[in-house]
């Protein structure tokens, strides 16, 4: 898996995901809040399968290992 979630995108995913999970755990928004696990996981792992399908990369820098200097 190559990194395709970067900087601000990652922070927002983690914050929104954690907020949704916390609200669901406290029964404020119900079971739908557990969907917050998805953005939380994609933010923590820095990989989003939907971004791969759409050819989106918010990392800004290519995460390809072959382009590193020798």
N, C-alpha and C. Protein backbone atom coordinates (compact mmCIF):
# COMPACT_ATOMS: atom_id res chain seq x y z
N UNK A 1 0.84 -1.18 0.00
CA UNK A 1 0.00 0.00 0.00
C UNK A 1 0.88 1.24 0.00
N UNK A 2 0.63 2.09 -0.94
CA UNK A 2 1.37 3.36 -1.00
C UNK A 2 0.56 4.43 -0.28
N UNK A 3 1.26 5.35 0.32
CA UNK A 3 0.63 6.48 0.99
C UNK A 3 -0.09 7.33 -0.04
N UNK A 4 -1.38 7.61 0.19
CA UNK A 4 -2.10 8.51 -0.69
C UNK A 4 -2.95 9.53 0.09
N UNK A 5 -2.79 9.56 1.39
CA UNK A 5 -3.47 10.52 2.24
C UNK A 5 -2.40 11.34 2.95
N UNK A 6 -2.38 12.63 2.74
CA UNK A 6 -1.32 13.45 3.32
C UNK A 6 -1.83 14.53 4.25
N UNK A 7 -0.92 15.18 4.92
CA UNK A 7 -1.05 16.33 5.79
C UNK A 7 -2.41 16.67 6.37
N UNK A 8 -2.99 17.72 5.84
CA UNK A 8 -4.25 18.25 6.36
C UNK A 8 -5.37 17.23 6.20
N UNK A 9 -5.38 16.52 5.09
CA UNK A 9 -6.37 15.48 4.84
C UNK A 9 -6.33 14.44 5.95
N UNK A 10 -5.14 14.04 6.34
CA UNK A 10 -4.97 13.04 7.39
C UNK A 10 -5.48 13.56 8.74
N UNK A 11 -5.12 14.77 9.07
CA UNK A 11 -5.55 15.36 10.35
C UNK A 11 -7.07 15.47 10.42
N UNK A 12 -7.69 15.92 9.33
CA UNK A 12 -9.14 16.04 9.30
C UNK A 12 -9.83 14.69 9.41
N UNK A 13 -9.32 13.68 8.73
CA UNK A 13 -9.89 12.34 8.81
C UNK A 13 -9.82 11.80 10.23
N UNK A 14 -8.68 11.96 10.88
CA UNK A 14 -8.53 11.44 12.25
C UNK A 14 -9.45 12.19 13.21
N UNK A 15 -9.52 13.51 13.08
CA UNK A 15 -10.36 14.32 13.98
C UNK A 15 -11.84 14.00 13.80
N UNK A 16 -12.30 13.97 12.56
CA UNK A 16 -13.72 13.70 12.29
C UNK A 16 -14.07 12.27 12.70
N UNK A 17 -13.20 11.32 12.37
CA UNK A 17 -13.45 9.93 12.73
C UNK A 17 -13.52 9.74 14.23
N UNK A 18 -12.59 10.32 14.96
CA UNK A 18 -12.59 10.21 16.42
C UNK A 18 -13.82 10.86 17.03
N UNK A 19 -14.22 12.01 16.48
CA UNK A 19 -15.42 12.68 16.97
C UNK A 19 -16.66 11.83 16.76
N UNK A 20 -16.80 11.26 15.57
CA UNK A 20 -17.97 10.42 15.29
C UNK A 20 -18.01 9.19 16.18
N UNK A 21 -16.86 8.55 16.38
CA UNK A 21 -16.81 7.37 17.24
C UNK A 21 -17.14 7.75 18.68
N UNK A 22 -16.62 8.87 19.15
CA UNK A 22 -16.91 9.32 20.52
C UNK A 22 -18.39 9.62 20.70
N UNK A 23 -19.00 10.28 19.72
CA UNK A 23 -20.43 10.58 19.81
C UNK A 23 -21.28 9.31 19.75
N UNK A 24 -20.85 8.33 18.95
CA UNK A 24 -21.57 7.07 18.88
C UNK A 24 -21.43 6.29 20.18
N UNK A 25 -20.25 6.30 20.77
CA UNK A 25 -20.01 5.58 22.02
C UNK A 25 -20.82 6.16 23.17
N UNK A 26 -21.10 7.45 23.10
CA UNK A 26 -21.89 8.08 24.16
C UNK A 26 -23.38 8.16 23.80
N UNK A 27 -23.80 7.47 22.75
CA UNK A 27 -25.20 7.40 22.32
C UNK A 27 -25.80 8.76 21.96
N UNK A 28 -25.00 9.67 21.49
CA UNK A 28 -25.51 10.98 21.08
C UNK A 28 -26.07 10.91 19.66
N UNK A 29 -25.38 10.22 18.77
CA UNK A 29 -25.84 10.18 17.38
C UNK A 29 -26.24 8.79 16.91
N UNK A 30 -26.20 7.80 17.74
CA UNK A 30 -26.64 6.46 17.38
C UNK A 30 -25.58 5.65 16.66
N UNK A 31 -26.05 4.57 16.04
CA UNK A 31 -25.14 3.61 15.41
C UNK A 31 -24.42 4.16 14.19
N UNK A 32 -24.98 5.14 13.52
CA UNK A 32 -24.34 5.71 12.33
C UNK A 32 -22.98 6.31 12.65
N UNK A 33 -22.78 6.72 13.85
CA UNK A 33 -21.51 7.31 14.24
C UNK A 33 -20.34 6.35 14.18
N UNK A 34 -20.62 5.05 14.26
CA UNK A 34 -19.55 4.06 14.18
C UNK A 34 -18.92 4.02 12.80
N UNK A 35 -19.54 4.64 11.81
CA UNK A 35 -18.92 4.77 10.50
C UNK A 35 -17.68 5.67 10.58
N UNK A 36 -17.52 6.37 11.67
CA UNK A 36 -16.33 7.19 11.88
C UNK A 36 -15.06 6.38 11.96
N UNK A 37 -15.19 5.07 12.14
CA UNK A 37 -14.03 4.18 12.16
C UNK A 37 -13.33 4.21 10.79
N UNK A 38 -14.09 4.40 9.72
CA UNK A 38 -13.53 4.40 8.37
C UNK A 38 -12.56 5.57 8.16
N UNK A 39 -13.01 6.83 8.36
CA UNK A 39 -12.03 7.91 8.18
C UNK A 39 -10.90 7.87 9.21
N UNK A 40 -11.20 7.38 10.40
CA UNK A 40 -10.15 7.25 11.43
C UNK A 40 -9.07 6.27 10.95
N UNK A 41 -9.47 5.13 10.43
CA UNK A 41 -8.51 4.13 9.96
C UNK A 41 -7.73 4.63 8.74
N UNK A 42 -8.41 5.28 7.80
CA UNK A 42 -7.71 5.76 6.61
C UNK A 42 -6.73 6.87 6.97
N UNK A 43 -7.05 7.65 7.99
CA UNK A 43 -6.11 8.68 8.44
C UNK A 43 -4.91 8.10 9.15
N UNK A 44 -5.13 7.08 9.96
CA UNK A 44 -4.03 6.47 10.70
C UNK A 44 -3.11 5.67 9.79
N UNK A 45 -3.67 4.97 8.81
CA UNK A 45 -2.86 4.15 7.90
C UNK A 45 -2.36 4.92 6.69
N UNK A 46 -2.83 6.18 6.52
CA UNK A 46 -2.43 7.04 5.41
C UNK A 46 -2.71 6.41 4.05
N UNK A 47 -3.75 5.58 3.98
CA UNK A 47 -4.13 4.93 2.74
C UNK A 47 -5.64 4.91 2.63
N UNK A 48 -6.15 5.35 1.48
CA UNK A 48 -7.59 5.36 1.23
C UNK A 48 -7.86 4.58 -0.06
N UNK A 49 -8.57 3.46 0.02
CA UNK A 49 -8.87 2.67 -1.18
C UNK A 49 -9.65 3.47 -2.23
N UNK A 50 -10.53 4.35 -1.80
CA UNK A 50 -11.30 5.16 -2.75
C UNK A 50 -10.37 6.10 -3.54
N UNK A 51 -9.36 6.64 -2.88
CA UNK A 51 -8.39 7.49 -3.56
C UNK A 51 -7.64 6.70 -4.64
N UNK A 52 -7.35 5.44 -4.36
CA UNK A 52 -6.67 4.61 -5.35
C UNK A 52 -7.55 4.42 -6.58
N UNK A 53 -8.83 4.14 -6.37
CA UNK A 53 -9.76 3.96 -7.49
C UNK A 53 -9.92 5.22 -8.31
N UNK A 54 -9.86 6.38 -7.65
CA UNK A 54 -10.06 7.66 -8.33
C UNK A 54 -8.75 8.31 -8.77
N UNK A 55 -7.64 7.65 -8.54
CA UNK A 55 -6.31 8.17 -8.86
C UNK A 55 -6.02 9.51 -8.21
N UNK A 56 -6.37 9.62 -6.94
CA UNK A 56 -6.14 10.84 -6.16
C UNK A 56 -4.99 10.58 -5.20
N UNK A 57 -4.14 11.59 -5.00
CA UNK A 57 -3.04 11.49 -4.06
C UNK A 57 -2.89 12.84 -3.38
N UNK A 58 -3.20 12.92 -2.09
CA UNK A 58 -3.09 14.19 -1.38
C UNK A 58 -1.78 14.30 -0.60
N UNK A 59 -0.87 13.35 -0.79
CA UNK A 59 0.44 13.41 -0.11
C UNK A 59 1.29 14.56 -0.61
N UNK A 60 1.13 14.95 -1.85
CA UNK A 60 1.90 16.04 -2.39
C UNK A 60 3.21 15.60 -3.01
N UNK A 61 3.84 14.61 -2.42
CA UNK A 61 5.11 14.08 -2.92
C UNK A 61 4.87 12.62 -3.26
N UNK A 62 5.44 12.17 -4.36
CA UNK A 62 5.29 10.78 -4.76
C UNK A 62 5.82 9.87 -3.66
N UNK A 63 5.06 8.87 -3.30
CA UNK A 63 5.48 7.95 -2.24
C UNK A 63 6.17 6.73 -2.82
N UNK A 64 6.57 6.79 -4.07
CA UNK A 64 7.23 5.68 -4.75
C UNK A 64 8.66 5.53 -4.21
N UNK A 65 9.02 4.34 -3.79
CA UNK A 65 10.34 4.08 -3.20
C UNK A 65 11.46 4.17 -4.24
N UNK A 66 11.16 3.90 -5.52
CA UNK A 66 12.19 3.87 -6.55
C UNK A 66 12.73 5.27 -6.91
N UNK A 67 12.02 6.31 -6.52
CA UNK A 67 12.45 7.66 -6.86
C UNK A 67 13.38 8.27 -5.82
N UNK A 68 13.73 7.49 -4.78
CA UNK A 68 14.62 8.03 -3.74
C UNK A 68 16.04 8.14 -4.26
N UNK A 69 16.79 9.06 -3.68
CA UNK A 69 18.18 9.27 -4.11
C UNK A 69 19.05 8.13 -3.64
N UNK A 70 20.13 7.87 -4.40
CA UNK A 70 21.03 6.74 -4.08
C UNK A 70 22.22 7.18 -3.29
